[in-house]
Amino acid sequence: MKSEIYFSVKTPIGIEVRTTVQYWEYLTIFKHPIMRNKEDIVKFVLQMPDEIRQSKMDKEVFLYYKQSDRVYCVVVKHTGKEGFFPNCISC
């Protein structure tokens, strides 16, 4: 079923970030096709970020940065101890 949890990752600041199969497909087909098949990178950035910044525009949004073959930025909206991907997942 497409509404089942596709993956769940705990960040170093204790936020459990989850996404469903359906939402991940939406993000990687329509919003950010460059991220297709890059689930492992997203999980790695969330688990081992070099830096976490709070958005200046929305205090519930956090940007997780990781330098690897390039700089990755995974954007997560926090709601309590849970997180989800808003409209952007990579910068």
Protein backbone atom coordinates (compact mmCIF):
# COMPACT_ATOMS: atom_id res chain seq x y z
CA MET A 1 0.00 0.00 0.00
CA LYS A 2 1.34 3.42 -0.97
CA SER A 3 0.33 5.14 2.27
CA GLU A 4 2.58 2.87 4.34
CA ILE A 5 5.76 4.27 5.89
CA TYR A 6 8.56 4.13 3.32
CA PHE A 7 11.34 5.01 5.73
CA SER A 8 11.82 6.47 9.17
CA VAL A 9 15.04 8.03 10.47
CA LYS A 10 15.95 9.42 13.90
CA THR A 11 18.03 12.59 13.81
CA PRO A 12 20.77 13.48 16.33
CA ILE A 13 18.37 15.96 17.97
CA GLY A 14 15.78 13.26 18.60
CA ILE A 15 13.34 13.96 15.76
CA GLU A 16 11.81 10.92 14.05
CA VAL A 17 11.53 11.83 10.35
CA ARG A 18 9.13 9.69 8.35
CA THR A 19 7.71 9.62 4.87
CA THR A 20 5.21 7.40 3.12
CA VAL A 21 5.69 5.60 -0.16
CA GLN A 22 3.10 7.87 -1.76
CA TYR A 23 4.68 11.13 -0.56
CA TRP A 24 8.21 10.03 -1.47
CA GLU A 25 6.98 9.22 -4.99
CA TYR A 26 5.35 12.65 -5.20
CA LEU A 27 8.56 14.37 -4.07
CA THR A 28 10.85 12.43 -6.39
CA ILE A 29 8.59 12.46 -9.45
CA PHE A 30 7.07 15.94 -9.39
CA LYS A 31 8.97 18.21 -6.99
CA HIS A 32 12.57 16.95 -6.97
CA PRO A 33 13.23 14.29 -9.62
CA ILE A 34 16.97 14.65 -9.02
CA MET A 35 16.41 12.91 -5.67
CA ARG A 36 14.98 9.74 -7.23
CA ASN A 37 16.88 6.70 -5.92
CA LYS A 38 18.73 8.85 -3.39
CA GLU A 39 16.93 7.65 -0.26
CA ASP A 40 20.20 6.46 1.26
CA ILE A 41 21.73 9.94 0.92
CA VAL A 42 18.70 11.55 2.55
CA LYS A 43 18.82 9.07 5.43
CA PHE A 44 22.58 9.59 5.85
CA VAL A 45 22.23 13.38 5.94
CA LEU A 46 19.48 13.14 8.55
CA GLN A 47 21.42 10.67 10.72
CA MET A 48 24.87 12.27 10.45
CA PRO A 49 24.50 15.97 9.54
CA ASP A 50 27.50 18.26 9.70
CA GLU A 51 25.20 21.11 10.68
CA ILE A 52 21.53 21.69 11.51
CA ARG A 53 20.03 25.15 11.07
CA GLN A 54 16.62 26.49 11.91
CA SER A 55 14.87 28.29 9.07
CA LYS A 56 14.61 32.05 9.39
CA MET A 57 11.27 31.97 7.54
CA ASP A 58 9.55 29.17 9.49
CA LYS A 59 10.70 28.27 13.00
CA GLU A 60 9.33 24.71 12.59
CA VAL A 61 11.55 24.03 9.57
CA PHE A 62 15.11 22.76 9.99
CA LEU A 63 17.82 22.33 7.38
CA TYR A 64 20.20 19.39 7.75
CA TYR A 65 23.51 19.86 5.92
CA LYS A 66 26.13 17.28 4.97
CA GLN A 67 29.30 17.73 2.89
CA SER A 68 30.02 14.64 0.81
CA ASP A 69 30.66 14.56 -2.94
CA ARG A 70 28.72 17.86 -2.77
CA VAL A 71 26.80 19.75 -0.09
CA TYR A 72 23.44 18.14 0.61
CA CYS A 73 20.62 19.92 2.38
CA VAL A 74 17.58 18.00 3.61
CA VAL A 75 14.69 20.16 4.75
CA VAL A 76 12.41 18.84 7.49
CA LYS A 77 9.42 20.36 9.23
CA HIS A 78 9.38 19.48 12.94
CA THR A 79 6.14 18.91 14.82
CA GLY A 80 6.99 18.00 18.38
CA LYS A 81 9.32 14.98 18.23
CA GLU A 82 8.28 14.06 14.68
CA GLY A 83 9.38 15.43 11.35
CA PHE A 84 8.30 15.28 7.75
CA PHE A 85 9.45 16.62 4.42
CA PRO A 86 7.74 19.84 3.43
CA ASN A 87 7.87 21.00 -0.20
CA CYS A 88 11.67 20.86 -0.49
CA ILE A 89 14.07 18.02 0.32
CA SER A 90 17.35 19.02 -1.27
CA CYS A 91 19.06 22.32 -1.85
